[in-house]
Amino acid sequence: MVSELRGARTVRAALQAATAQLMGHSGSPRLDAQLILAHLLNQRREQLIAHDEMPLSADQVAAYAELIALRASGMPIAYILGRRAFF
């Protein structure tokens, strides 16, 4: 799974690979993958969804893979993002 993520070159491919990697580790794998990538790219989640063909650099993919690995190991999403969502 990690190798699939490291081979991703677009937002769409990265989100698909990260979602698959988080299956069984999160109750909301797709949302977690989106939130982490949006945080990393300093974008809104909606922008990622609307522009999922946007290319990612190798450095961005590597950093994303590290954050996804932290989430898959059980680290809370709020710790990864450095903030907690309030409703």
Protein backbone atom coordinates (compact mmCIF):
# COMPACT_ATOMS: atom_id res chain seq x y z
CA MET A 1 0.00 0.00 0.00
CA VAL A 2 2.77 2.46 0.88
CA SER A 3 4.45 1.82 -2.48
CA GLU A 4 1.16 2.60 -4.25
CA LEU A 5 0.97 5.89 -2.41
CA ARG A 6 4.60 6.76 -3.12
CA GLY A 7 3.92 6.17 -6.83
CA ALA A 8 0.98 8.60 -6.89
CA ARG A 9 1.46 11.69 -9.01
CA THR A 10 -1.98 13.35 -8.79
CA VAL A 11 -4.32 14.29 -5.97
CA ARG A 12 -6.80 11.63 -7.15
CA ALA A 13 -4.21 8.83 -7.14
CA ALA A 14 -2.81 9.89 -3.77
CA LEU A 15 -6.26 10.00 -2.18
CA GLN A 16 -7.19 6.59 -3.58
CA ALA A 17 -3.98 4.98 -2.31
CA ALA A 18 -4.19 6.69 1.09
CA THR A 19 -7.85 5.72 1.53
CA ALA A 20 -6.98 2.09 0.80
CA GLN A 21 -4.09 2.24 3.27
CA LEU A 22 -6.33 3.65 6.02
CA MET A 23 -9.07 1.02 5.59
CA GLY A 24 -9.33 -0.88 8.85
CA HIS A 25 -7.37 1.82 10.71
CA SER A 26 -9.94 4.60 10.63
CA GLY A 27 -13.70 4.91 10.78
CA SER A 28 -13.51 7.53 8.03
CA PRO A 29 -10.56 6.66 5.79
CA ARG A 30 -11.56 8.86 2.82
CA LEU A 31 -12.22 11.90 4.99
CA ASP A 32 -8.96 11.40 6.89
CA ALA A 33 -7.02 11.10 3.63
CA GLN A 34 -8.62 14.29 2.31
CA LEU A 35 -8.04 16.27 5.51
CA ILE A 36 -4.40 15.25 5.72
CA LEU A 37 -3.67 16.09 2.08
CA ALA A 38 -5.52 19.41 2.34
CA HIS A 39 -3.47 20.25 5.43
CA LEU A 40 -0.22 19.30 3.74
CA LEU A 41 -0.96 21.34 0.61
CA ASN A 42 -2.50 24.24 2.55
CA GLN A 43 -5.67 23.88 0.49
CA ARG A 44 -9.32 23.48 1.37
CA ARG A 45 -10.70 19.97 1.10
CA GLU A 46 -13.19 21.19 -1.50
CA GLN A 47 -10.34 22.38 -3.72
CA LEU A 48 -8.82 18.92 -3.72
CA ILE A 49 -12.12 17.35 -4.67
CA ALA A 50 -12.74 19.86 -7.46
CA HIS A 51 -9.18 19.68 -8.80
CA ASP A 52 -8.24 16.06 -8.25
CA GLU A 53 -6.14 16.03 -11.43
CA MET A 54 -3.66 18.46 -9.81
CA PRO A 55 -0.14 17.03 -9.96
CA LEU A 56 1.90 16.35 -6.81
CA SER A 57 5.66 16.58 -6.53
CA ALA A 58 7.70 13.64 -5.25
CA ASP A 59 8.41 15.61 -2.06
CA GLN A 60 4.71 16.23 -1.48
CA VAL A 61 3.91 12.56 -2.01
CA ALA A 62 6.69 11.48 0.36
CA ALA A 63 5.49 13.86 3.08
CA TYR A 64 1.89 12.68 2.56
CA ALA A 65 2.94 9.04 2.83
CA GLU A 66 4.61 9.78 6.18
CA LEU A 67 1.49 11.48 7.55
CA ILE A 68 -0.76 8.68 6.31
CA ALA A 69 1.53 6.14 7.98
CA LEU A 70 1.15 8.04 11.27
CA ARG A 71 -2.64 7.93 10.93
CA ALA A 72 -2.56 4.24 10.03
CA SER A 73 -0.51 3.58 13.18
CA GLY A 74 -3.33 5.08 15.25
CA MET A 75 -2.26 8.68 15.74
CA PRO A 76 -5.37 10.86 16.09
CA ILE A 77 -6.14 13.09 13.13
CA ALA A 78 -6.15 16.16 15.41
CA TYR A 79 -2.52 15.48 16.37
CA ILE A 80 -1.49 15.16 12.74
CA LEU A 81 -3.28 18.35 11.72
CA GLY A 82 -2.30 20.24 14.85
CA ARG A 83 -5.90 21.28 15.38
CA ARG A 84 -9.28 19.83 16.15
CA ALA A 85 -12.51 20.53 14.28
CA PHE A 86 -15.40 21.86 16.31
CA PHE A 87 -19.00 21.77 15.19
